[in-house]
């Protein structure tokens, strides 16, 4: 689907749990004066989960910070993906996990939103396209920060996708990357010691 219909491929995953605590990171500081973070002994703020969606064809990312995981929030993410392509044609979404507790309502939601779900293999969450974008999200919003509460943290989490979408990569660059990934996949058997495919007569 990535090669045939990249504009209809989406990815969804949950980023968290996110607590309120000082998080180590990297930054520039004067020599001999490292930045210090306080210790946290009582974490009374609870946790949050960032439900992120990613459009592979448009290279756009969006998401909402929520108090908990669940089928209701998963269906809300599906509806936001469906709204990105409101023409009613089928869309294809990739989830890292689809727990049994979500199965019934998720299937009903996929039918209502005309979407198909594909989960990566076990221990291969990196195959979900959105996973590569959670690293920069953590680096620019969580690492080397000490947010006072979840409201401040949520504003940072929502501000990063807006900045990222404003500075999206050029469509020609995305097309070149897709061609390179397809070439690498076609050579996988050769690179891992397999025999090359016979040439067509």
N, C-alpha and C. Protein backbone atom coordinates (compact mmCIF):
# COMPACT_ATOMS: atom_id res chain seq x y z
N UNK A 1 0.81 -1.21 0.00
CA UNK A 1 0.00 0.00 0.00
C UNK A 1 0.86 1.27 0.00
N UNK A 2 2.03 1.18 0.62
CA UNK A 2 2.88 2.36 0.66
C UNK A 2 3.31 2.78 -0.73
N UNK A 3 3.52 1.79 -1.64
CA UNK A 3 3.94 2.13 -2.98
C UNK A 3 2.77 2.51 -3.88
N UNK A 4 1.62 1.88 -3.68
CA UNK A 4 0.48 2.10 -4.58
C UNK A 4 -0.37 3.29 -4.15
N UNK A 5 -0.68 3.38 -2.84
CA UNK A 5 -1.56 4.45 -2.36
C UNK A 5 -0.94 5.15 -1.15
N UNK A 6 0.19 5.82 -1.31
CA UNK A 6 0.81 6.46 -0.13
C UNK A 6 -0.05 7.54 0.48
N UNK A 7 -0.93 8.18 -0.33
CA UNK A 7 -1.76 9.25 0.21
C UNK A 7 -2.93 8.72 1.02
N UNK A 8 -3.10 7.40 1.09
CA UNK A 8 -4.19 6.82 1.88
C UNK A 8 -3.68 5.89 2.98
N UNK A 9 -2.40 6.01 3.29
CA UNK A 9 -1.80 5.20 4.35
C UNK A 9 -1.54 6.10 5.56
N UNK A 10 -2.04 5.66 6.71
CA UNK A 10 -1.90 6.40 7.95
C UNK A 10 -1.35 5.47 9.03
N UNK A 11 -0.78 6.07 10.05
CA UNK A 11 -0.24 5.31 11.18
C UNK A 11 -0.76 5.92 12.47
N UNK A 12 -1.01 5.05 13.45
CA UNK A 12 -1.51 5.50 14.74
C UNK A 12 -0.81 4.74 15.85
N UNK A 13 -0.49 5.44 16.93
CA UNK A 13 0.09 4.76 18.09
C UNK A 13 -0.05 5.67 19.31
N UNK A 14 0.18 5.07 20.48
CA UNK A 14 0.09 5.80 21.75
C UNK A 14 1.49 6.02 22.29
N UNK A 15 1.78 7.26 22.66
CA UNK A 15 3.10 7.65 23.17
C UNK A 15 2.96 7.92 24.67
N UNK A 16 3.55 7.07 25.47
CA UNK A 16 3.43 7.24 26.91
C UNK A 16 3.69 5.92 27.64
N UNK A 17 3.44 5.89 28.94
CA UNK A 17 2.84 6.95 29.77
C UNK A 17 3.79 8.12 30.02
N UNK A 18 3.21 9.31 30.10
CA UNK A 18 3.97 10.54 30.29
C UNK A 18 3.68 11.09 31.68
N UNK A 19 4.68 11.10 32.52
CA UNK A 19 4.54 11.63 33.86
C UNK A 19 5.15 13.01 33.98
N UNK A 20 4.93 13.64 35.13
CA UNK A 20 5.52 14.95 35.42
C UNK A 20 6.75 14.70 36.29
N UNK A 21 7.89 14.76 35.65
CA UNK A 21 9.15 14.54 36.36
C UNK A 21 10.27 15.16 35.53
N UNK A 22 11.37 15.55 36.18
CA UNK A 22 12.53 16.04 35.41
C UNK A 22 13.10 14.93 34.54
N UNK A 23 13.40 15.26 33.29
CA UNK A 23 13.90 14.28 32.34
C UNK A 23 15.26 14.73 31.83
N UNK A 24 16.22 13.83 31.86
CA UNK A 24 17.57 14.16 31.38
C UNK A 24 17.56 14.38 29.88
N UNK A 25 18.51 15.17 29.42
CA UNK A 25 18.64 15.45 28.00
C UNK A 25 20.01 16.05 27.70
N UNK A 26 20.11 16.74 26.59
CA UNK A 26 21.36 17.37 26.18
C UNK A 26 21.10 18.83 25.86
N UNK A 27 22.04 19.70 26.26
CA UNK A 27 21.89 21.13 25.96
C UNK A 27 23.25 21.80 26.10
N UNK A 28 23.34 23.06 25.64
CA UNK A 28 24.55 23.85 25.78
C UNK A 28 24.50 24.60 27.10
N UNK A 29 25.58 24.51 27.89
CA UNK A 29 25.69 25.25 29.14
C UNK A 29 27.11 25.80 29.28
N UNK A 30 27.31 26.83 30.10
CA UNK A 30 28.67 27.34 30.31
C UNK A 30 29.57 26.27 30.92
N UNK A 31 30.84 26.30 30.57
CA UNK A 31 31.79 25.31 31.08
C UNK A 31 31.82 25.35 32.61
N UNK A 32 31.73 24.17 33.21
CA UNK A 32 31.77 24.06 34.66
C UNK A 32 30.46 24.36 35.35
N UNK A 33 29.39 24.62 34.59
CA UNK A 33 28.08 24.91 35.18
C UNK A 33 27.01 24.04 34.51
N UNK A 34 27.01 22.75 34.77
CA UNK A 34 26.00 21.89 34.14
C UNK A 34 24.61 22.21 34.64
N UNK A 35 23.64 21.98 33.79
CA UNK A 35 22.25 22.22 34.18
C UNK A 35 21.79 21.14 35.15
N UNK A 36 21.15 21.55 36.21
CA UNK A 36 20.71 20.62 37.24
C UNK A 36 19.19 20.48 37.21
N UNK A 37 18.72 19.28 37.47
CA UNK A 37 17.29 19.02 37.59
C UNK A 37 17.00 18.53 39.00
N UNK A 38 15.91 18.98 39.60
CA UNK A 38 15.58 18.50 40.95
C UNK A 38 15.12 17.05 40.92
N UNK A 39 15.18 16.41 42.07
CA UNK A 39 14.68 15.05 42.20
C UNK A 39 13.17 15.08 42.44
N UNK A 40 12.49 14.00 42.09
CA UNK A 40 11.05 13.90 42.34
C UNK A 40 10.81 12.73 43.27
N UNK A 41 10.25 13.02 44.43
CA UNK A 41 9.97 11.99 45.41
C UNK A 41 8.48 11.65 45.46
N UNK A 42 7.64 12.61 45.14
CA UNK A 42 6.20 12.39 45.17
C UNK A 42 5.62 12.80 43.82
N UNK A 43 5.20 11.83 43.05
CA UNK A 43 4.63 12.11 41.73
C UNK A 43 3.12 12.00 41.84
N UNK A 44 2.49 13.12 42.08
CA UNK A 44 1.06 13.15 42.35
C UNK A 44 0.23 13.61 41.17
N UNK A 45 0.87 13.83 40.02
CA UNK A 45 0.14 14.36 38.86
C UNK A 45 -0.49 13.27 37.99
N UNK A 46 -0.15 12.01 38.24
CA UNK A 46 -0.65 10.96 37.37
C UNK A 46 0.09 10.92 36.04
N UNK A 47 -0.47 10.22 35.07
CA UNK A 47 0.16 10.08 33.76
C UNK A 47 -0.83 10.46 32.67
N UNK A 48 -0.28 10.71 31.49
CA UNK A 48 -1.08 10.99 30.31
C UNK A 48 -0.55 10.15 29.15
N UNK A 49 -1.33 10.07 28.07
CA UNK A 49 -0.95 9.32 26.87
C UNK A 49 -1.20 10.21 25.65
N UNK A 50 -0.19 10.33 24.81
CA UNK A 50 -0.32 11.10 23.58
C UNK A 50 -0.75 10.16 22.47
N UNK A 51 -1.95 10.36 21.95
CA UNK A 51 -2.47 9.55 20.84
C UNK A 51 -2.10 10.25 19.54
N UNK A 52 -1.10 9.72 18.84
CA UNK A 52 -0.58 10.36 17.65
C UNK A 52 -1.01 9.69 16.37
N UNK A 53 -1.24 10.50 15.34
CA UNK A 53 -1.57 10.01 13.99
C UNK A 53 -0.59 10.62 13.01
N UNK A 54 -0.31 9.85 11.95
CA UNK A 54 0.67 10.30 10.95
C UNK A 54 0.18 9.92 9.57
N UNK A 55 0.16 10.91 8.68
CA UNK A 55 -0.19 10.69 7.28
C UNK A 55 1.09 10.47 6.48
N UNK A 56 1.25 9.27 5.95
CA UNK A 56 2.48 8.92 5.24
C UNK A 56 2.62 9.73 3.96
N UNK A 57 1.54 9.88 3.21
CA UNK A 57 1.63 10.59 1.94
C UNK A 57 1.89 12.07 2.08
N UNK A 58 1.25 12.70 3.08
CA UNK A 58 1.39 14.15 3.26
C UNK A 58 2.51 14.51 4.21
N UNK A 59 3.09 13.53 4.91
CA UNK A 59 4.13 13.77 5.91
C UNK A 59 3.63 14.75 6.98
N UNK A 60 2.40 14.51 7.44
CA UNK A 60 1.80 15.34 8.48
C UNK A 60 1.55 14.51 9.73
N UNK A 61 1.73 15.13 10.88
CA UNK A 61 1.55 14.47 12.16
C UNK A 61 0.62 15.30 13.03
N UNK A 62 -0.28 14.65 13.75
CA UNK A 62 -1.13 15.35 14.69
C UNK A 62 -1.48 14.37 15.83
N UNK A 63 -2.02 14.92 16.90
CA UNK A 63 -2.34 14.07 18.02
C UNK A 63 -2.97 14.84 19.16
N UNK A 64 -3.46 14.09 20.16
CA UNK A 64 -4.13 14.65 21.32
C UNK A 64 -3.58 13.97 22.56
N UNK A 65 -3.35 14.74 23.61
CA UNK A 65 -2.90 14.20 24.88
C UNK A 65 -4.12 13.86 25.73
N UNK A 66 -4.21 12.61 26.19
CA UNK A 66 -5.39 12.17 26.92
C UNK A 66 -5.00 11.54 28.26
N UNK A 67 -6.00 11.44 29.13
CA UNK A 67 -5.75 10.92 30.47
C UNK A 67 -5.51 9.42 30.48
N UNK A 68 -6.11 8.67 29.56
CA UNK A 68 -5.99 7.23 29.59
C UNK A 68 -6.14 6.65 28.19
N UNK A 69 -5.76 5.39 28.07
CA UNK A 69 -5.95 4.67 26.82
C UNK A 69 -7.34 4.03 26.82
N UNK A 70 -7.79 3.61 25.65
CA UNK A 70 -9.08 2.96 25.59
C UNK A 70 -9.66 2.98 24.19
N UNK A 71 -10.72 2.18 24.00
CA UNK A 71 -11.34 2.07 22.68
C UNK A 71 -11.95 3.39 22.24
N UNK A 72 -12.50 4.17 23.17
CA UNK A 72 -13.12 5.45 22.80
C UNK A 72 -12.08 6.38 22.17
N UNK A 73 -10.91 6.47 22.79
CA UNK A 73 -9.87 7.35 22.26
C UNK A 73 -9.29 6.80 20.95
N UNK A 74 -9.23 5.47 20.82
CA UNK A 74 -8.77 4.88 19.57
C UNK A 74 -9.72 5.20 18.43
N UNK A 75 -11.04 5.12 18.70
CA UNK A 75 -12.02 5.44 17.67
C UNK A 75 -11.97 6.93 17.31
N UNK A 76 -11.68 7.77 18.30
CA UNK A 76 -11.54 9.20 18.02
C UNK A 76 -10.37 9.44 17.07
N UNK A 77 -9.26 8.69 17.27
CA UNK A 77 -8.12 8.82 16.36
C UNK A 77 -8.50 8.35 14.96
N UNK A 78 -9.26 7.26 14.86
CA UNK A 78 -9.72 6.78 13.55
C UNK A 78 -10.59 7.83 12.86
N UNK A 79 -11.45 8.47 13.62
CA UNK A 79 -12.30 9.50 13.01
C UNK A 79 -11.47 10.68 12.52
N UNK A 80 -10.42 11.04 13.26
CA UNK A 80 -9.57 12.14 12.78
C UNK A 80 -8.82 11.74 11.52
N UNK A 81 -8.43 10.45 11.41
CA UNK A 81 -7.78 9.97 10.19
C UNK A 81 -8.77 9.98 9.03
N UNK A 82 -10.01 9.54 9.31
CA UNK A 82 -11.04 9.56 8.26
C UNK A 82 -11.32 10.98 7.80
N UNK A 83 -11.28 11.95 8.71
CA UNK A 83 -11.54 13.34 8.34
C UNK A 83 -10.45 13.89 7.43
N UNK A 84 -9.23 13.30 7.50
CA UNK A 84 -8.16 13.75 6.62
C UNK A 84 -8.41 13.35 5.17
N UNK A 85 -9.23 12.32 4.95
CA UNK A 85 -9.63 11.89 3.60
C UNK A 85 -11.15 11.73 3.59
N UNK A 86 -11.88 12.85 3.50
CA UNK A 86 -13.34 12.78 3.65
C UNK A 86 -14.09 12.31 2.42
N UNK A 87 -13.39 11.83 1.38
CA UNK A 87 -14.09 11.44 0.15
C UNK A 87 -14.76 10.08 0.26
N UNK A 88 -14.57 9.34 1.36
CA UNK A 88 -15.23 8.06 1.55
C UNK A 88 -14.48 6.87 0.99
N UNK A 89 -13.40 7.09 0.24
CA UNK A 89 -12.62 5.97 -0.29
C UNK A 89 -11.89 5.27 0.86
N UNK A 90 -11.57 3.98 0.70
CA UNK A 90 -10.92 3.24 1.79
C UNK A 90 -9.57 3.85 2.16
N UNK A 91 -9.26 3.79 3.45
CA UNK A 91 -7.96 4.21 3.95
C UNK A 91 -7.33 3.04 4.68
N UNK A 92 -6.01 3.07 4.80
CA UNK A 92 -5.27 1.98 5.41
C UNK A 92 -4.46 2.53 6.58
N UNK A 93 -4.66 1.93 7.76
CA UNK A 93 -4.00 2.43 8.96
C UNK A 93 -3.14 1.33 9.57
N UNK A 94 -2.06 1.74 10.21
CA UNK A 94 -1.14 0.81 10.86
C UNK A 94 -1.12 1.12 12.35
N UNK A 95 -1.36 0.11 13.17
CA UNK A 95 -1.30 0.23 14.62
C UNK A 95 -0.23 -0.70 15.13
N UNK A 96 0.47 -0.25 16.17
CA UNK A 96 1.47 -1.13 16.77
C UNK A 96 0.81 -2.25 17.55
N UNK A 97 -0.28 -1.94 18.25
CA UNK A 97 -1.00 -2.95 19.03
C UNK A 97 -2.48 -2.75 18.83
N UNK A 98 -3.21 -3.83 18.95
CA UNK A 98 -4.67 -3.80 18.92
C UNK A 98 -5.16 -4.78 19.97
N UNK A 99 -5.19 -4.39 21.26
CA UNK A 99 -5.52 -5.31 22.34
C UNK A 99 -6.90 -5.91 22.19
N UNK A 100 -7.13 -7.11 22.74
CA UNK A 100 -8.44 -7.74 22.63
C UNK A 100 -9.56 -6.90 23.23
N UNK A 101 -9.26 -6.10 24.27
CA UNK A 101 -10.30 -5.29 24.89
C UNK A 101 -10.83 -4.23 23.94
N UNK A 102 -10.05 -3.90 22.91
CA UNK A 102 -10.48 -2.90 21.94
C UNK A 102 -11.10 -3.53 20.70
N UNK A 103 -11.04 -4.84 20.60
CA UNK A 103 -11.33 -5.48 19.32
C UNK A 103 -12.73 -5.18 18.83
N UNK A 104 -13.76 -5.38 19.68
CA UNK A 104 -15.13 -5.26 19.21
C UNK A 104 -15.43 -3.86 18.72
N UNK A 105 -15.12 -2.87 19.54
CA UNK A 105 -15.44 -1.50 19.15
C UNK A 105 -14.52 -1.01 18.05
N UNK A 106 -13.28 -1.51 18.01
CA UNK A 106 -12.37 -1.09 16.96
C UNK A 106 -12.83 -1.60 15.60
N UNK A 107 -13.31 -2.85 15.54
CA UNK A 107 -13.82 -3.40 14.28
C UNK A 107 -15.02 -2.60 13.81
N UNK A 108 -15.92 -2.27 14.75
CA UNK A 108 -17.08 -1.46 14.37
C UNK A 108 -16.65 -0.09 13.89
N UNK A 109 -15.65 0.48 14.55
CA UNK A 109 -15.16 1.79 14.13
C UNK A 109 -14.52 1.74 12.76
N UNK A 110 -13.77 0.66 12.47
CA UNK A 110 -13.14 0.56 11.16
C UNK A 110 -14.19 0.43 10.07
N UNK A 111 -15.30 -0.26 10.38
CA UNK A 111 -16.34 -0.37 9.38
C UNK A 111 -17.00 0.97 9.12
N UNK A 112 -17.23 1.75 10.18
CA UNK A 112 -17.87 3.05 10.01
C UNK A 112 -16.96 4.02 9.28
N UNK A 113 -15.66 3.90 9.49
CA UNK A 113 -14.73 4.84 8.86
C UNK A 113 -14.11 4.28 7.58
N UNK A 114 -14.54 3.09 7.13
CA UNK A 114 -14.04 2.49 5.89
C UNK A 114 -12.53 2.42 5.89
N UNK A 115 -11.97 1.82 6.95
CA UNK A 115 -10.52 1.73 7.05
C UNK A 115 -10.12 0.30 7.35
N UNK A 116 -8.94 -0.07 6.89
CA UNK A 116 -8.37 -1.39 7.18
C UNK A 116 -7.20 -1.21 8.13
N UNK A 117 -7.00 -2.20 9.01
CA UNK A 117 -5.96 -2.10 10.03
C UNK A 117 -4.90 -3.16 9.78
N UNK A 118 -3.64 -2.77 9.87
CA UNK A 118 -2.51 -3.69 9.74
C UNK A 118 -1.58 -3.49 10.92
N UNK A 119 -1.31 -4.56 11.67
CA UNK A 119 -0.42 -4.47 12.83
C UNK A 119 0.95 -5.03 12.46
N UNK A 120 2.03 -4.37 12.86
CA UNK A 120 3.37 -4.91 12.61
C UNK A 120 3.57 -6.24 13.34
N UNK A 121 4.53 -7.05 12.93
CA UNK A 121 4.80 -8.32 13.62
C UNK A 121 5.21 -8.09 15.07
N UNK A 122 5.15 -9.15 15.86
CA UNK A 122 5.56 -9.09 17.25
C UNK A 122 7.02 -8.66 17.37
N UNK A 123 7.30 -7.81 18.33
CA UNK A 123 8.65 -7.26 18.57
C UNK A 123 9.16 -6.47 17.37
N UNK A 124 8.25 -5.91 16.58
CA UNK A 124 8.67 -5.10 15.43
C UNK A 124 7.85 -3.82 15.38
N UNK A 125 7.70 -3.18 16.54
CA UNK A 125 6.93 -1.94 16.58
C UNK A 125 7.58 -0.85 15.74
N UNK A 126 8.90 -0.98 15.50
CA UNK A 126 9.60 0.01 14.67
C UNK A 126 9.06 0.03 13.24
N UNK A 127 8.34 -1.03 12.84
CA UNK A 127 7.80 -1.07 11.48
C UNK A 127 6.61 -0.13 11.31
N UNK A 128 6.04 0.35 12.41
CA UNK A 128 4.97 1.33 12.33
C UNK A 128 5.57 2.68 11.93
N UNK A 129 5.11 3.31 10.85
CA UNK A 129 5.76 4.54 10.37
C UNK A 129 5.80 5.67 11.39
N UNK A 130 4.87 5.71 12.33
CA UNK A 130 4.85 6.83 13.27
C UNK A 130 5.92 6.69 14.34
N UNK A 131 6.44 5.48 14.56
CA UNK A 131 7.43 5.29 15.62
C UNK A 131 8.68 6.13 15.39
N UNK A 132 9.06 6.33 14.14
CA UNK A 132 10.25 7.13 13.84
C UNK A 132 10.07 8.60 14.21
N UNK A 133 8.83 9.04 14.37
CA UNK A 133 8.57 10.44 14.69
C UNK A 133 8.35 10.66 16.18
N UNK A 134 8.21 9.59 16.95
CA UNK A 134 8.08 9.74 18.40
C UNK A 134 9.43 10.07 19.04
N UNK A 135 10.53 9.67 18.40
CA UNK A 135 11.85 10.02 18.92
C UNK A 135 12.08 11.53 18.94
N UNK A 136 11.91 12.23 17.79
CA UNK A 136 12.02 13.69 17.83
C UNK A 136 10.99 14.35 18.73
N UNK A 137 9.77 13.77 18.81
CA UNK A 137 8.76 14.32 19.70
C UNK A 137 9.24 14.31 21.15
N UNK A 138 9.85 13.20 21.56
CA UNK A 138 10.39 13.11 22.92
C UNK A 138 11.57 14.08 23.10
N UNK A 139 12.43 14.16 22.09
CA UNK A 139 13.63 14.98 22.20
C UNK A 139 13.30 16.46 22.36
N UNK A 140 12.27 16.94 21.64
CA UNK A 140 11.96 18.37 21.63
C UNK A 140 10.90 18.77 22.65
N UNK A 141 10.25 17.82 23.32
CA UNK A 141 9.19 18.19 24.26
C UNK A 141 9.37 17.58 25.65
N UNK A 142 10.13 16.49 25.78
CA UNK A 142 10.26 15.81 27.07
C UNK A 142 11.70 15.87 27.58
N UNK A 143 12.67 15.57 26.70
CA UNK A 143 14.07 15.51 27.13
C UNK A 143 14.56 16.88 27.57
N UNK A 144 15.27 16.90 28.70
CA UNK A 144 15.86 18.11 29.27
C UNK A 144 14.80 19.14 29.67
N UNK A 145 13.62 18.64 30.06
CA UNK A 145 12.54 19.52 30.50
C UNK A 145 12.10 19.12 31.91
N UNK A 146 11.52 20.07 32.60
CA UNK A 146 10.92 19.84 33.92
C UNK A 146 9.59 20.57 33.94
N UNK A 147 8.60 19.99 33.29
CA UNK A 147 7.29 20.62 33.19
C UNK A 147 6.63 20.70 34.56
N UNK A 148 5.94 21.81 34.81
CA UNK A 148 5.30 22.00 36.12
C UNK A 148 4.07 21.12 36.29
N UNK A 149 3.33 20.92 35.21
CA UNK A 149 2.11 20.12 35.29
C UNK A 149 1.78 19.60 33.90
N UNK A 150 0.68 18.87 33.80
CA UNK A 150 0.33 18.26 32.52
C UNK A 150 -0.17 19.31 31.52
N UNK A 151 -0.70 20.41 31.99
CA UNK A 151 -1.16 21.44 31.06
C UNK A 151 0.02 22.02 30.28
N UNK A 152 1.11 22.30 30.97
CA UNK A 152 2.31 22.81 30.29
C UNK A 152 2.88 21.76 29.35
N UNK A 153 2.92 20.51 29.81
CA UNK A 153 3.44 19.43 28.98
C UNK A 153 2.58 19.22 27.74
N UNK A 154 1.26 19.32 27.90
CA UNK A 154 0.36 19.13 26.77
C UNK A 154 0.54 20.23 25.73
N UNK A 155 0.73 21.48 26.16
CA UNK A 155 0.96 22.56 25.20
C UNK A 155 2.23 22.31 24.39
N UNK A 156 3.26 21.77 25.04
CA UNK A 156 4.50 21.47 24.31
C UNK A 156 4.27 20.32 23.32
N UNK A 157 3.53 19.31 23.75
CA UNK A 157 3.27 18.16 22.87
C UNK A 157 2.43 18.56 21.66
N UNK A 158 1.53 19.50 21.82
CA UNK A 158 0.70 19.95 20.71
C UNK A 158 1.42 20.95 19.82
N UNK A 159 2.39 21.67 20.40
CA UNK A 159 3.10 22.68 19.61
C UNK A 159 4.09 22.03 18.64
N UNK A 160 4.69 20.90 19.03
CA UNK A 160 5.69 20.29 18.15
C UNK A 160 5.09 19.84 16.82
N UNK A 161 3.96 19.10 16.78
CA UNK A 161 3.42 18.73 15.45
C UNK A 161 3.08 19.94 14.59
N UNK A 162 2.62 21.03 15.20
CA UNK A 162 2.33 22.23 14.38
C UNK A 162 3.60 22.76 13.74
N UNK A 163 4.69 22.82 14.53
CA UNK A 163 5.95 23.29 13.96
C UNK A 163 6.45 22.32 12.90
N UNK A 164 6.34 21.03 13.16
CA UNK A 164 6.83 20.03 12.23
C UNK A 164 6.07 20.09 10.91
N UNK A 165 4.75 20.23 10.96
CA UNK A 165 3.96 20.27 9.73
C UNK A 165 4.23 21.55 8.95
N UNK A 166 4.54 22.64 9.65
CA UNK A 166 4.89 23.88 8.96
C UNK A 166 6.20 23.74 8.21
N UNK A 167 7.09 22.91 8.73
CA UNK A 167 8.41 22.71 8.11
C UNK A 167 8.52 21.29 7.54
N UNK A 168 7.48 20.84 6.87
CA UNK A 168 7.45 19.49 6.31
C UNK A 168 8.45 19.35 5.17
N UNK A 169 8.85 18.11 4.92
CA UNK A 169 9.80 17.85 3.85
C UNK A 169 9.15 18.03 2.47
N UNK A 170 9.97 18.30 1.46
CA UNK A 170 9.47 18.52 0.12
C UNK A 170 8.92 17.20 -0.44
N UNK A 171 7.81 17.24 -1.22
CA UNK A 171 7.25 16.00 -1.78
C UNK A 171 8.25 15.20 -2.60
N UNK A 172 9.17 15.87 -3.31
CA UNK A 172 10.17 15.14 -4.10
C UNK A 172 11.11 14.35 -3.19
N UNK A 173 11.43 14.91 -2.03
CA UNK A 173 12.28 14.19 -1.08
C UNK A 173 11.55 12.96 -0.55
N UNK A 174 10.27 13.09 -0.24
CA UNK A 174 9.49 11.94 0.24
C UNK A 174 9.42 10.85 -0.82
N UNK A 175 9.20 11.25 -2.08
CA UNK A 175 9.12 10.26 -3.16
C UNK A 175 10.46 9.54 -3.32
N UNK A 176 11.57 10.25 -3.22
CA UNK A 176 12.89 9.62 -3.34
C UNK A 176 13.13 8.65 -2.18
N UNK A 177 12.70 9.02 -0.99
CA UNK A 177 12.86 8.12 0.16
C UNK A 177 12.04 6.86 -0.01
N UNK A 178 10.82 6.98 -0.53
CA UNK A 178 9.99 5.79 -0.76
C UNK A 178 10.62 4.87 -1.80
N UNK A 179 11.21 5.44 -2.85
CA UNK A 179 11.87 4.61 -3.86
C UNK A 179 13.08 3.89 -3.27
N UNK A 180 13.83 4.58 -2.41
CA UNK A 180 15.00 3.95 -1.80
C UNK A 180 14.59 2.83 -0.85
N UNK A 181 13.51 3.04 -0.08
CA UNK A 181 13.04 1.97 0.81
C UNK A 181 12.57 0.77 0.01
N UNK A 182 11.89 1.01 -1.12
CA UNK A 182 11.45 -0.10 -1.96
C UNK A 182 12.64 -0.87 -2.53
N UNK A 183 13.71 -0.14 -2.91
CA UNK A 183 14.90 -0.81 -3.43
C UNK A 183 15.56 -1.66 -2.36
N UNK A 184 15.63 -1.14 -1.14
CA UNK A 184 16.25 -1.90 -0.05
C UNK A 184 15.45 -3.15 0.26
N UNK A 185 14.12 -3.01 0.26
CA UNK A 185 13.29 -4.20 0.52
C UNK A 185 13.47 -5.24 -0.56
N UNK A 186 13.63 -4.82 -1.82
CA UNK A 186 13.80 -5.78 -2.91
C UNK A 186 15.12 -6.52 -2.82
N UNK A 187 16.13 -5.93 -2.14
CA UNK A 187 17.44 -6.55 -2.01
C UNK A 187 17.64 -7.24 -0.66
N UNK A 188 16.57 -7.35 0.11
CA UNK A 188 16.71 -7.89 1.47
C UNK A 188 17.29 -9.29 1.47
N UNK A 189 16.77 -10.16 0.58
CA UNK A 189 17.27 -11.54 0.54
C UNK A 189 18.74 -11.62 0.18
N UNK A 190 19.19 -10.74 -0.71
CA UNK A 190 20.59 -10.75 -1.12
C UNK A 190 21.47 -10.23 0.02
N UNK A 191 21.02 -9.16 0.69
CA UNK A 191 21.84 -8.57 1.74
C UNK A 191 22.00 -9.51 2.94
N UNK A 192 21.02 -10.37 3.17
CA UNK A 192 21.09 -11.27 4.32
C UNK A 192 21.54 -12.67 3.92
N UNK A 193 22.30 -12.78 2.84
CA UNK A 193 22.88 -14.06 2.47
C UNK A 193 22.02 -14.90 1.56
N UNK A 194 20.90 -14.39 1.09
CA UNK A 194 20.05 -15.15 0.21
C UNK A 194 20.57 -15.14 -1.21
N UNK A 195 19.97 -15.93 -2.04
CA UNK A 195 20.37 -15.98 -3.45
C UNK A 195 19.61 -14.93 -4.23
N UNK A 196 20.24 -14.30 -5.20
CA UNK A 196 19.52 -13.31 -6.02
C UNK A 196 18.42 -13.97 -6.83
N UNK A 197 17.36 -13.20 -7.09
CA UNK A 197 16.26 -13.72 -7.86
C UNK A 197 16.70 -13.93 -9.31
N UNK A 198 16.23 -15.01 -9.96
CA UNK A 198 16.62 -15.23 -11.37
C UNK A 198 16.04 -14.15 -12.26
N UNK A 199 16.80 -13.76 -13.25
CA UNK A 199 16.36 -12.73 -14.19
C UNK A 199 15.25 -13.27 -15.05
N UNK A 200 14.27 -12.41 -15.37
CA UNK A 200 13.17 -12.82 -16.21
C UNK A 200 13.64 -13.05 -17.63
N UNK A 201 13.10 -14.08 -18.25
CA UNK A 201 13.51 -14.42 -19.62
C UNK A 201 12.96 -13.43 -20.61
